[in-house]
Amino acid sequence: KVRFVPFEEAYRQDITMILKDPELENLEMLRDGSVFFTMLHYSTHPAVVELIKKKKLKTFSMDSIVDDQGLRLFVDYFGTAYSGCKTGVEELKKVYPEFYSEDREPLRAVIMGAGGVGQGAVRSLEVISDAEFLQREGVPGIVSCVATRTITGNKKAMDELLKKADLLVDATQRKDQTMQVLSNEQVGLLPKHAVIVDLCADRYDFSLNPPLRRVIEGTVNGDPSHYVIYPDDPIYDDLPSEVKSGNRRIVISCDAWPGMDPERSVHYYNGLMKNYVGILLSKEPEEISEDSDNLFERGLYRATL
């Protein structure tokens, strides 16, 4: 019963399900009052929230599905972290002549954030380090340093870590998207060969007051077709004028990291989707309850606007 239809028709159904969040103009095609299940990122996409209200959509945001303890259920932490860290290490190889030298100190990765993505980054860098250096006797691998808020919020402590970082991994989760964590001045403390791995893919939005800001000032956001961004990339010209970007390093950034390994990602998310599709097909949106005996139904309720 699966059939392929024109793009516009797919958006005009009773229920529309898409893994990656669509562009705003595509959401305009959704039928008013219909059910929509995707990665919506309510907190960082105010224009999307406004459109949802205008069209009276019954939305469920995959990234907002949490269990009874507030832990995300619909997420691929390792898939997000591994693809970004692997690309970051590959770029570091190209620009750091001492990468395979026995005489250098261990490579230092500073990971900002100790949540699911941060933990995925630690595990990813262990796997990558073993693959790169385990068979190279005498060559030290990668040391991961996790910087929590008590460190990232302490400029003196963070500056000392930045001066020795070969990789800087952004795995933060901010409650306040208007507050940046690192200034562009601090980016200038990184060694010239250092690579920044952006796993969060936050955005600038200066149409809001106060504006939304990225975690690391002066970095730019990539996508699956353009995820390795060099300091002279024209994409920097699109930054808001209020953002300082004079200090630049290679940035690895993508707004859909799991999709960089699409076959594994599709199988993984297929397993997650099974838990929710049956509920959406068997109940009216208004019937989905936080008091349900079904963990996944409770998660769906928490994912409503």
C-alpha atoms as a PDB file:
ATOM      1  CA  LYS A   1       0.000   0.000   0.000  1.00  0.00           C
ATOM      2  CA  VAL A   2       3.027   2.265  -0.164  1.00  0.00           C
ATOM      3  CA  ARG A   3       2.935   4.541  -3.187  1.00  0.00           C
ATOM      4  CA  PHE A   4       5.038   7.407  -4.473  1.00  0.00           C
ATOM      5  CA  VAL A   5       3.251  10.717  -5.011  1.00  0.00           C
ATOM      6  CA  PRO A   6       4.170  14.277  -6.000  1.00  0.00           C
ATOM      7  CA  PHE A   7       5.943  16.248  -3.290  1.00  0.00           C
ATOM      8  CA  GLU A   8       2.990  18.569  -2.613  1.00  0.00           C
ATOM      9  CA  GLU A   9       0.546  15.672  -2.200  1.00  0.00           C
ATOM     10  CA  ALA A  10       2.678  14.157   0.565  1.00  0.00           C
ATOM     11  CA  TYR A  11       2.172  17.314   2.616  1.00  0.00           C
ATOM     12  CA  ARG A  12      -1.618  17.341   2.257  1.00  0.00           C
ATOM     13  CA  GLN A  13      -2.483  14.163   4.149  1.00  0.00           C
ATOM     14  CA  ASP A  14      -4.301  13.574   7.433  1.00  0.00           C
ATOM     15  CA  ILE A  15      -0.960  12.605   8.997  1.00  0.00           C
ATOM     16  CA  THR A  16       2.457  13.639   7.687  1.00  0.00           C
ATOM     17  CA  MET A  17       5.639  12.099   9.105  1.00  0.00           C
ATOM     18  CA  ILE A  18       9.135  13.275   8.163  1.00  0.00           C
ATOM     19  CA  LEU A  19      12.346  12.474   9.995  1.00  0.00           C
ATOM     20  CA  LYS A  20      14.294  15.687   9.315  1.00  0.00           C
ATOM     21  CA  ASP A  21      12.556  19.000   9.965  1.00  0.00           C
ATOM     22  CA  PRO A  22      11.443  20.593   6.655  1.00  0.00           C
ATOM     23  CA  GLU A  23      11.976  24.132   5.478  1.00  0.00           C
ATOM     24  CA  LEU A  24       9.390  26.679   6.555  1.00  0.00           C
ATOM     25  CA  GLU A  25       7.946  27.093   3.059  1.00  0.00           C
ATOM     26  CA  ASN A  26       7.230  23.356   2.919  1.00  0.00           C
ATOM     27  CA  LEU A  27       5.275  23.544   6.158  1.00  0.00           C
ATOM     28  CA  GLU A  28       2.965  26.033   4.474  1.00  0.00           C
ATOM     29  CA  MET A  29       1.735  23.142   2.293  1.00  0.00           C
ATOM     30  CA  LEU A  30       0.448  21.150   5.281  1.00  0.00           C
ATOM     31  CA  ARG A  31      -3.322  20.973   5.480  1.00  0.00           C
ATOM     32  CA  ASP A  32      -4.768  23.116   8.282  1.00  0.00           C
ATOM     33  CA  GLY A  33      -5.565  21.028  11.365  1.00  0.00           C
ATOM     34  CA  SER A  34      -3.608  17.974  10.199  1.00  0.00           C
ATOM     35  CA  VAL A  35      -1.233  15.840  12.287  1.00  0.00           C
ATOM     36  CA  PHE A  36       2.490  16.436  11.813  1.00  0.00           C
ATOM     37  CA  PHE A  37       5.290  14.305  13.309  1.00  0.00           C
ATOM     38  CA  THR A  38       8.904  15.380  12.763  1.00  0.00           C
ATOM     39  CA  MET A  39      11.951  16.982  14.421  1.00  0.00           C
ATOM     40  CA  LEU A  40      10.447  20.416  15.138  1.00  0.00           C
ATOM     41  CA  HIS A  41      12.890  21.968  17.654  1.00  0.00           C
ATOM     42  CA  TYR A  42      10.236  24.229  19.182  1.00  0.00           C
ATOM     43  CA  SER A  43      12.636  26.204  21.366  1.00  0.00           C
ATOM     44  CA  THR A  44      14.948  27.336  18.569  1.00  0.00           C
ATOM     45  CA  HIS A  45      12.426  27.768  15.718  1.00  0.00           C
ATOM     46  CA  PRO A  46       9.945  30.463  16.789  1.00  0.00           C
ATOM     47  CA  ALA A  47       8.784  31.050  13.202  1.00  0.00           C
ATOM     48  CA  VAL A  48       7.810  27.379  12.943  1.00  0.00           C
ATOM     49  CA  VAL A  49       5.865  27.598  16.208  1.00  0.00           C
ATOM     50  CA  GLU A  50       4.014  30.647  14.880  1.00  0.00           C
ATOM     51  CA  LEU A  51       3.072  28.791  11.706  1.00  0.00           C
ATOM     52  CA  ILE A  52       1.900  25.742  13.690  1.00  0.00           C
ATOM     53  CA  LYS A  53      -0.460  27.964  15.642  1.00  0.00           C
ATOM     54  CA  LYS A  54      -1.681  29.763  12.535  1.00  0.00           C
ATOM     55  CA  LYS A  55      -2.513  26.522  10.712  1.00  0.00           C
ATOM     56  CA  LYS A  56      -3.830  24.829  13.894  1.00  0.00           C
ATOM     57  CA  LEU A  57      -1.536  21.862  13.272  1.00  0.00           C
ATOM     58  CA  LYS A  58      -1.515  18.982  15.741  1.00  0.00           C
ATOM     59  CA  THR A  59       2.214  18.541  16.067  1.00  0.00           C
ATOM     60  CA  PHE A  60       4.470  16.016  17.760  1.00  0.00           C
ATOM     61  CA  SER A  61       8.143  16.938  17.911  1.00  0.00           C
ATOM     62  CA  MET A  62      10.462  13.914  17.845  1.00  0.00           C
ATOM     63  CA  ASP A  63      13.220  15.820  19.613  1.00  0.00           C
ATOM     64  CA  SER A  64      10.821  16.661  22.477  1.00  0.00           C
ATOM     65  CA  ILE A  65       9.825  13.045  23.248  1.00  0.00           C
ATOM     66  CA  VAL A  66      11.097  12.258  26.742  1.00  0.00           C
ATOM     67  CA  ASP A  67      10.509   9.540  29.320  1.00  0.00           C
ATOM     68  CA  ASP A  68       9.173   9.993  32.842  1.00  0.00           C
ATOM     69  CA  GLN A  69      12.609  11.193  33.993  1.00  0.00           C
ATOM     70  CA  GLY A  70      12.912  13.767  31.219  1.00  0.00           C
ATOM     71  CA  LEU A  71      15.444  11.760  29.150  1.00  0.00           C
ATOM     72  CA  ARG A  72      15.060  11.858  25.378  1.00  0.00           C
ATOM     73  CA  LEU A  73      13.638   8.697  23.820  1.00  0.00           C
ATOM     74  CA  PHE A  74      13.781   9.604  20.133  1.00  0.00           C
ATOM     75  CA  VAL A  75      17.453  10.368  19.557  1.00  0.00           C
ATOM     76  CA  ASP A  76      20.639   8.885  18.105  1.00  0.00           C
ATOM     77  CA  TYR A  77      23.384  10.300  20.320  1.00  0.00           C
ATOM     78  CA  PHE A  78      26.177   8.063  19.057  1.00  0.00           C
ATOM     79  CA  GLY A  79      25.190   8.556  15.401  1.00  0.00           C
ATOM     80  CA  THR A  80      25.241  12.306  15.887  1.00  0.00           C
ATOM     81  CA  ALA A  81      28.589  12.309  17.663  1.00  0.00           C
ATOM     82  CA  TYR A  82      30.487   9.725  15.624  1.00  0.00           C
ATOM     83  CA  SER A  83      29.958  11.245  12.184  1.00  0.00           C
ATOM     84  CA  GLY A  84      31.023  14.698  13.363  1.00  0.00           C
ATOM     85  CA  CYS A  85      34.044  13.503  15.366  1.00  0.00           C
ATOM     86  CA  LYS A  86      35.215  11.211  12.561  1.00  0.00           C
ATOM     87  CA  THR A  87      35.125  14.077  10.062  1.00  0.00           C
ATOM     88  CA  GLY A  88      36.894  16.354  12.544  1.00  0.00           C
ATOM     89  CA  VAL A  89      39.753  13.878  13.011  1.00  0.00           C
ATOM     90  CA  GLU A  90      40.064  13.395   9.241  1.00  0.00           C
ATOM     91  CA  GLU A  91      40.473  17.153   8.778  1.00  0.00           C
ATOM     92  CA  LEU A  92      42.944  17.351  11.668  1.00  0.00           C
ATOM     93  CA  LYS A  93      45.079  14.766   9.867  1.00  0.00           C
ATOM     94  CA  LYS A  94      45.347  17.068   6.859  1.00  0.00           C
ATOM     95  CA  VAL A  95      46.394  20.226   8.705  1.00  0.00           C
ATOM     96  CA  TYR A  96      48.477  18.894  11.611  1.00  0.00           C
ATOM     97  CA  PRO A  97      51.868  17.588  10.399  1.00  0.00           C
ATOM     98  CA  GLU A  98      52.570  15.949  13.780  1.00  0.00           C
ATOM     99  CA  PHE A  99      49.394  13.839  13.696  1.00  0.00           C
ATOM    100  CA  TYR A 100      51.273  10.511  13.481  1.00  0.00           C
ATOM    101  CA  SER A 101      54.437  11.657  15.282  1.00  0.00           C
ATOM    102  CA  GLU A 102      55.729   9.679  18.261  1.00  0.00           C
ATOM    103  CA  ASP A 103      57.245  12.858  19.687  1.00  0.00           C
ATOM    104  CA  ARG A 104      54.077  14.878  20.189  1.00  0.00           C
ATOM    105  CA  GLU A 105      51.872  14.873  23.285  1.00  0.00           C
ATOM    106  CA  PRO A 106      48.524  13.058  23.120  1.00  0.00           C
ATOM    107  CA  LEU A 107      45.980  14.811  20.937  1.00  0.00           C
ATOM    108  CA  ARG A 108      43.599  16.776  23.131  1.00  0.00           C
ATOM    109  CA  ALA A 109      39.859  16.898  22.505  1.00  0.00           C
ATOM    110  CA  VAL A 110      37.886  19.370  24.618  1.00  0.00           C
ATOM    111  CA  ILE A 111      34.217  18.388  24.661  1.00  0.00           C
ATOM    112  CA  MET A 112      31.789  21.057  25.835  1.00  0.00           C
ATOM    113  CA  GLY A 113      28.814  19.288  27.413  1.00  0.00           C
ATOM    114  CA  ALA A 114      28.375  16.042  29.328  1.00  0.00           C
ATOM    115  CA  GLY A 115      24.879  15.042  28.187  1.00  0.00           C
ATOM    116  CA  GLY A 116      23.957  12.323  25.709  1.00  0.00           C
ATOM    117  CA  VAL A 117      25.788  13.906  22.767  1.00  0.00           C
ATOM    118  CA  GLY A 118      28.849  14.685  24.899  1.00  0.00           C
ATOM    119  CA  GLN A 119      28.992  11.108  26.142  1.00  0.00           C
ATOM    120  CA  GLY A 120      28.575   9.929  22.552  1.00  0.00           C
ATOM    121  CA  ALA A 121      31.539  12.113  21.578  1.00  0.00           C
ATOM    122  CA  VAL A 122      33.754  10.549  24.268  1.00  0.00           C
ATOM    123  CA  ARG A 123      32.848   7.062  23.056  1.00  0.00           C
ATOM    124  CA  SER A 124      33.281   8.070  19.398  1.00  0.00           C
ATOM    125  CA  LEU A 125      36.733   9.527  19.979  1.00  0.00           C
ATOM    126  CA  GLU A 126      37.761   6.346  21.805  1.00  0.00           C
ATOM    127  CA  VAL A 127      36.708   4.240  18.810  1.00  0.00           C
ATOM    128  CA  ILE A 128      38.401   6.620  16.347  1.00  0.00           C
ATOM    129  CA  SER A 129      41.577   6.844  18.426  1.00  0.00           C
ATOM    130  CA  ASP A 130      41.866   3.054  18.620  1.00  0.00           C
ATOM    131  CA  ALA A 131      41.396   2.735  14.857  1.00  0.00           C
ATOM    132  CA  GLU A 132      44.030   5.390  14.122  1.00  0.00           C
ATOM    133  CA  PHE A 133      46.741   4.665  16.688  1.00  0.00           C
ATOM    134  CA  LEU A 134      46.370   1.230  18.284  1.00  0.00           C
ATOM    135  CA  GLN A 135      48.519  -0.406  15.596  1.00  0.00           C
ATOM    136  CA  ARG A 136      51.055   2.445  15.554  1.00  0.00           C
ATOM    137  CA  GLU A 137      53.352   1.585  18.423  1.00  0.00           C
ATOM    138  CA  GLY A 138      54.625   4.642  20.259  1.00  0.00           C
ATOM    139  CA  VAL A 139      52.134   7.102  18.758  1.00  0.00           C
ATOM    140  CA  PRO A 140      49.845   8.511  21.496  1.00  0.00           C
ATOM    141  CA  GLY A 141      46.125   8.719  20.772  1.00  0.00           C
ATOM    142  CA  ILE A 142      43.367  11.131  21.754  1.00  0.00           C
ATOM    143  CA  VAL A 143      42.679  12.338  25.293  1.00  0.00           C
ATOM    144  CA  SER A 144      39.122  13.586  25.834  1.00  0.00           C
ATOM    145  CA  CYS A 145      38.451  16.337  28.369  1.00  0.00           C
ATOM    146  CA  VAL A 146      34.779  16.999  29.175  1.00  0.00           C
ATOM    147  CA  ALA A 147      34.094  20.644  30.070  1.00  0.00           C
ATOM    148  CA  THR A 148      30.847  21.047  31.999  1.00  0.00           C
ATOM    149  CA  ARG A 149      29.187  24.381  32.776  1.00  0.00           C
ATOM    150  CA  THR A 150      31.440  25.004  35.778  1.00  0.00           C
ATOM    151  CA  ILE A 151      34.362  25.021  33.332  1.00  0.00           C
ATOM    152  CA  THR A 152      32.853  26.596  30.201  1.00  0.00           C
ATOM    153  CA  GLY A 153      31.429  29.323  32.437  1.00  0.00           C
ATOM    154  CA  ASN A 154      34.834  30.011  34.006  1.00  0.00           C
ATOM    155  CA  LYS A 155      36.731  32.024  31.402  1.00  0.00           C
ATOM    156  CA  LYS A 156      40.150  31.573  32.979  1.00  0.00           C
ATOM    157  CA  ALA A 157      39.809  27.782  33.208  1.00  0.00           C
ATOM    158  CA  MET A 158      38.305  27.456  29.746  1.00  0.00           C
ATOM    159  CA  ASP A 159      40.964  29.653  28.139  1.00  0.00           C
ATOM    160  CA  GLU A 160      43.712  27.343  29.426  1.00  0.00           C
ATOM    161  CA  LEU A 161      41.974  24.317  27.902  1.00  0.00           C
ATOM    162  CA  LEU A 162      41.461  26.075  24.566  1.00  0.00           C
ATOM    163  CA  LYS A 163      45.171  26.891  24.222  1.00  0.00           C
ATOM    164  CA  LYS A 164      46.020  23.185  24.083  1.00  0.00           C
ATOM    165  CA  ALA A 165      42.984  21.812  22.249  1.00  0.00           C
ATOM    166  CA  ASP A 166      43.479  20.018  18.940  1.00  0.00           C
ATOM    167  CA  LEU A 167      39.738  19.360  18.697  1.00  0.00           C
ATOM    168  CA  LEU A 168      36.981  21.494  20.214  1.00  0.00           C
ATOM    169  CA  VAL A 169      33.655  19.623  20.236  1.00  0.00           C
ATOM    170  CA  ASP A 170      30.413  21.502  20.890  1.00  0.00           C
ATOM    171  CA  ALA A 171      27.957  19.092  22.516  1.00  0.00           C
ATOM    172  CA  THR A 172      26.226  21.663  24.710  1.00  0.00           C
ATOM    173  CA  GLN A 173      22.548  21.908  25.506  1.00  0.00           C
ATOM    174  CA  ARG A 174      21.473  25.399  26.516  1.00  0.00           C
ATOM    175  CA  LYS A 175      18.237  26.340  28.192  1.00  0.00           C
ATOM    176  CA  ASP A 176      18.767  29.914  27.006  1.00  0.00           C
ATOM    177  CA  GLN A 177      19.555  30.010  23.289  1.00  0.00           C
ATOM    178  CA  THR A 178      20.281  33.745  23.452  1.00  0.00           C
ATOM    179  CA  MET A 179      23.476  33.236  25.484  1.00  0.00           C
ATOM    180  CA  GLN A 180      26.684  32.258  23.697  1.00  0.00           C
ATOM    181  CA  VAL A 181      29.210  30.124  25.583  1.00  0.00           C
ATOM    182  CA  LEU A 182      32.486  31.089  23.877  1.00  0.00           C
ATOM    183  CA  SER A 183      33.373  34.473  22.396  1.00  0.00           C
ATOM    184  CA  ASN A 184      35.192  34.851  19.094  1.00  0.00           C
ATOM    185  CA  GLU A 185      38.114  36.195  21.075  1.00  0.00           C
ATOM    186  CA  GLN A 186      38.364  32.798  22.782  1.00  0.00           C
ATOM    187  CA  VAL A 187      38.303  31.035  19.411  1.00  0.00           C
ATOM    188  CA  GLY A 188      41.560  32.872  18.711  1.00  0.00           C
ATOM    189  CA  LEU A 189      43.192  31.003  21.626  1.00  0.00           C
ATOM    190  CA  LEU A 190      42.915  27.684  19.805  1.00  0.00           C
ATOM    191  CA  PRO A 191      46.069  26.435  18.041  1.00  0.00           C
ATOM    192  CA  LYS A 192      46.052  27.317  14.343  1.00  0.00           C
ATOM    193  CA  HIS A 193      45.641  23.660  13.367  1.00  0.00           C
ATOM    194  CA  ALA A 194      42.707  23.078  15.750  1.00  0.00           C
ATOM    195  CA  VAL A 195      39.383  21.844  14.351  1.00  0.00           C
ATOM    196  CA  ILE A 196      35.979  22.802  15.772  1.00  0.00           C
ATOM    197  CA  VAL A 197      33.335  20.058  15.639  1.00  0.00           C
ATOM    198  CA  ASP A 198      29.827  21.507  15.863  1.00  0.00           C
ATOM    199  CA  LEU A 199      27.415  18.729  16.879  1.00  0.00           C
ATOM    200  CA  CYS A 200      24.592  21.060  17.938  1.00  0.00           C
ATOM    201  CA  ALA A 201      24.028  23.024  14.716  1.00  0.00           C
ATOM    202  CA  ASP A 202      22.418  25.995  16.453  1.00  0.00           C
ATOM    203  CA  ARG A 203      21.428  29.087  14.481  1.00  0.00           C
ATOM    204  CA  TYR A 204      21.712  32.838  14.623  1.00  0.00           C
ATOM    205  CA  ASP A 205      18.421  34.710  14.458  1.00  0.00           C
ATOM    206  CA  PHE A 206      18.690  38.464  14.923  1.00  0.00           C
ATOM    207  CA  SER A 207      15.084  39.010  13.923  1.00  0.00           C
ATOM    208  CA  LEU A 208      14.206  38.169  17.539  1.00  0.00           C
ATOM    209  CA  ASN A 209      14.754  40.297  20.613  1.00  0.00           C
ATOM    210  CA  PRO A 210      16.912  39.130  22.263  1.00  0.00           C
ATOM    211  CA  PRO A 211      18.459  37.315  19.278  1.00  0.00           C
ATOM    212  CA  LEU A 212      19.307  33.602  19.160  1.00  0.00           C
ATOM    213  CA  ARG A 213      23.058  32.979  19.164  1.00  0.00           C
ATOM    214  CA  ARG A 214      25.317  30.063  18.373  1.00  0.00           C
ATOM    215  CA  VAL A 215      27.342  28.487  21.185  1.00  0.00           C
ATOM    216  CA  ILE A 216      30.692  29.538  19.705  1.00  0.00           C
ATOM    217  CA  GLU A 217      30.665  33.071  18.355  1.00  0.00           C
ATOM    218  CA  GLY A 218      31.709  33.462  14.746  1.00  0.00           C
ATOM    219  CA  THR A 219      31.220  29.836  13.699  1.00  0.00           C
ATOM    220  CA  VAL A 220      28.844  28.912  10.899  1.00  0.00           C
ATOM    221  CA  ASN A 221      26.276  26.188  10.349  1.00  0.00           C
ATOM    222  CA  GLY A 222      26.696  23.485   7.697  1.00  0.00           C
ATOM    223  CA  ASP A 223      24.464  20.846   6.133  1.00  0.00           C
ATOM    224  CA  PRO A 224      24.903  17.378   4.569  1.00  0.00           C
ATOM    225  CA  SER A 225      26.087  18.875   1.275  1.00  0.00           C
ATOM    226  CA  HIS A 226      28.529  21.332   2.887  1.00  0.00           C
ATOM    227  CA  TYR A 227      29.792  20.231   6.281  1.00  0.00           C
ATOM    228  CA  VAL A 228      33.537  21.007   6.174  1.00  0.00           C
ATOM    229  CA  ILE A 229      33.898  24.778   6.386  1.00  0.00           C
ATOM    230  CA  TYR A 230      37.305  26.404   5.980  1.00  0.00           C
ATOM    231  CA  PRO A 231      38.212  29.860   7.332  1.00  0.00           C
ATOM    232  CA  ASP A 232      37.941  31.510   3.900  1.00  0.00           C
ATOM    233  CA  ASP A 233      34.558  29.968   3.048  1.00  0.00           C
ATOM    234  CA  PRO A 234      32.101  32.495   1.492  1.00  0.00           C
ATOM    235  CA  ILE A 235      29.446  31.224   3.908  1.00  0.00           C
ATOM    236  CA  TYR A 236      30.978  33.555   6.517  1.00  0.00           C
ATOM    237  CA  ASP A 237      29.673  36.493   4.465  1.00  0.00           C
ATOM    238  CA  ASP A 238      26.145  35.487   5.488  1.00  0.00           C
ATOM    239  CA  LEU A 239      26.769  35.955   9.202  1.00  0.00           C
ATOM    240  CA  PRO A 240      24.816  38.795  10.839  1.00  0.00           C
ATOM    241  CA  SER A 241      26.864  41.994  11.065  1.00  0.00           C
ATOM    242  CA  GLU A 242      26.570  41.911  14.854  1.00  0.00           C
ATOM    243  CA  VAL A 243      28.595  38.664  15.033  1.00  0.00           C
ATOM    244  CA  LYS A 244      32.374  38.811  15.362  1.00  0.00           C
ATOM    245  CA  SER A 245      34.128  36.216  13.213  1.00  0.00           C
ATOM    246  CA  GLY A 246      37.699  37.492  12.811  1.00  0.00           C
ATOM    247  CA  ASN A 247      39.144  34.437  14.569  1.00  0.00           C
ATOM    248  CA  ARG A 248      38.415  31.339  12.508  1.00  0.00           C
ATOM    249  CA  ARG A 249      39.363  27.672  12.458  1.00  0.00           C
ATOM    250  CA  ILE A 250      38.185  24.756  10.347  1.00  0.00           C
ATOM    251  CA  VAL A 251      34.585  24.069  11.409  1.00  0.00           C
ATOM    252  CA  ILE A 252      32.852  20.714  10.979  1.00  0.00           C
ATOM    253  CA  SER A 253      29.111  21.387  11.114  1.00  0.00           C
ATOM    254  CA  CYS A 254      25.944  19.679   9.910  1.00  0.00           C
ATOM    255  CA  ASP A 255      22.276  20.070  10.790  1.00  0.00           C
ATOM    256  CA  ALA A 256      21.627  16.322  10.293  1.00  0.00           C
ATOM    257  CA  TRP A 257      24.645  14.351  11.523  1.00  0.00           C
ATOM    258  CA  PRO A 258      22.987  10.897  11.710  1.00  0.00           C
ATOM    259  CA  GLY A 259      22.068  11.259   8.034  1.00  0.00           C
ATOM    260  CA  MET A 260      25.755  11.259   7.112  1.00  0.00           C
ATOM    261  CA  ASP A 261      25.560   7.471   7.525  1.00  0.00           C
ATOM    262  CA  PRO A 262      22.137   7.079   5.909  1.00  0.00           C
ATOM    263  CA  GLU A 263      21.780   3.290   5.788  1.00  0.00           C
ATOM    264  CA  ARG A 264      22.600   2.822   9.482  1.00  0.00           C
ATOM    265  CA  SER A 265      20.493   5.860  10.338  1.00  0.00           C
ATOM    266  CA  VAL A 266      17.408   4.634   8.478  1.00  0.00           C
ATOM    267  CA  HIS A 267      17.534   1.252  10.230  1.00  0.00           C
ATOM    268  CA  TYR A 268      18.041   2.906  13.608  1.00  0.00           C
ATOM    269  CA  TYR A 269      15.195   5.402  13.274  1.00  0.00           C
ATOM    270  CA  ASN A 270      12.919   2.754  11.776  1.00  0.00           C
ATOM    271  CA  GLY A 271      13.197   0.921  15.086  1.00  0.00           C
ATOM    272  CA  LEU A 272      12.266   4.079  16.981  1.00  0.00           C
ATOM    273  CA  MET A 273       9.385   5.041  14.678  1.00  0.00           C
ATOM    274  CA  LYS A 274       7.616   1.708  15.268  1.00  0.00           C
ATOM    275  CA  ASN A 275       6.931   2.728  18.865  1.00  0.00           C
ATOM    276  CA  TYR A 276       4.910   5.795  17.852  1.00  0.00           C
ATOM    277  CA  VAL A 277       3.301   5.220  14.446  1.00  0.00           C
ATOM    278  CA  GLY A 278       0.746   2.747  15.800  1.00  0.00           C
ATOM    279  CA  ILE A 279      -0.362   5.248  18.441  1.00  0.00           C
ATOM    280  CA  LEU A 280      -0.777   8.057  15.897  1.00  0.00           C
ATOM    281  CA  LEU A 281      -2.812   5.789  13.598  1.00  0.00           C
ATOM    282  CA  SER A 282      -5.092   4.418  16.308  1.00  0.00           C
ATOM    283  CA  LYS A 283      -5.867   7.513  18.404  1.00  0.00           C
ATOM    284  CA  GLU A 284      -7.074  11.017  17.774  1.00  0.00           C
ATOM    285  CA  PRO A 285      -4.405  13.549  18.833  1.00  0.00           C
ATOM    286  CA  GLU A 286      -6.661  14.812  21.639  1.00  0.00           C
ATOM    287  CA  GLU A 287      -6.877  11.284  23.090  1.00  0.00           C
ATOM    288  CA  ILE A 288      -3.113  10.938  23.552  1.00  0.00           C
ATOM    289  CA  SER A 289      -2.542  11.276  27.283  1.00  0.00           C
ATOM    290  CA  GLU A 290       0.277  11.811  29.743  1.00  0.00           C
ATOM    291  CA  ASP A 291      -1.587   9.470  32.115  1.00  0.00           C
ATOM    292  CA  SER A 292      -1.454   6.529  29.681  1.00  0.00           C
ATOM    293  CA  ASP A 293      -0.017   3.178  30.791  1.00  0.00           C
ATOM    294  CA  ASN A 294       2.040   3.239  27.565  1.00  0.00           C
ATOM    295  CA  LEU A 295       5.475   4.864  27.968  1.00  0.00           C
ATOM    296  CA  PHE A 296       5.583   5.863  24.293  1.00  0.00           C
ATOM    297  CA  GLU A 297       2.153   7.493  24.403  1.00  0.00           C
ATOM    298  CA  ARG A 298       3.243   9.521  27.436  1.00  0.00           C
ATOM    299  CA  GLY A 299       6.334  10.553  25.457  1.00  0.00           C
ATOM    300  CA  LEU A 300       4.196  11.606  22.502  1.00  0.00           C
ATOM    301  CA  TYR A 301       2.008  13.744  24.747  1.00  0.00           C
ATOM    302  CA  ARG A 302       5.092  15.564  26.044  1.00  0.00           C
ATOM    303  CA  ALA A 303       6.123  16.257  22.434  1.00  0.00           C
ATOM    304  CA  THR A 304       3.055  18.389  21.702  1.00  0.00           C
ATOM    305  CA  LEU A 305       3.411  22.137  21.488  1.00  0.00           C
END
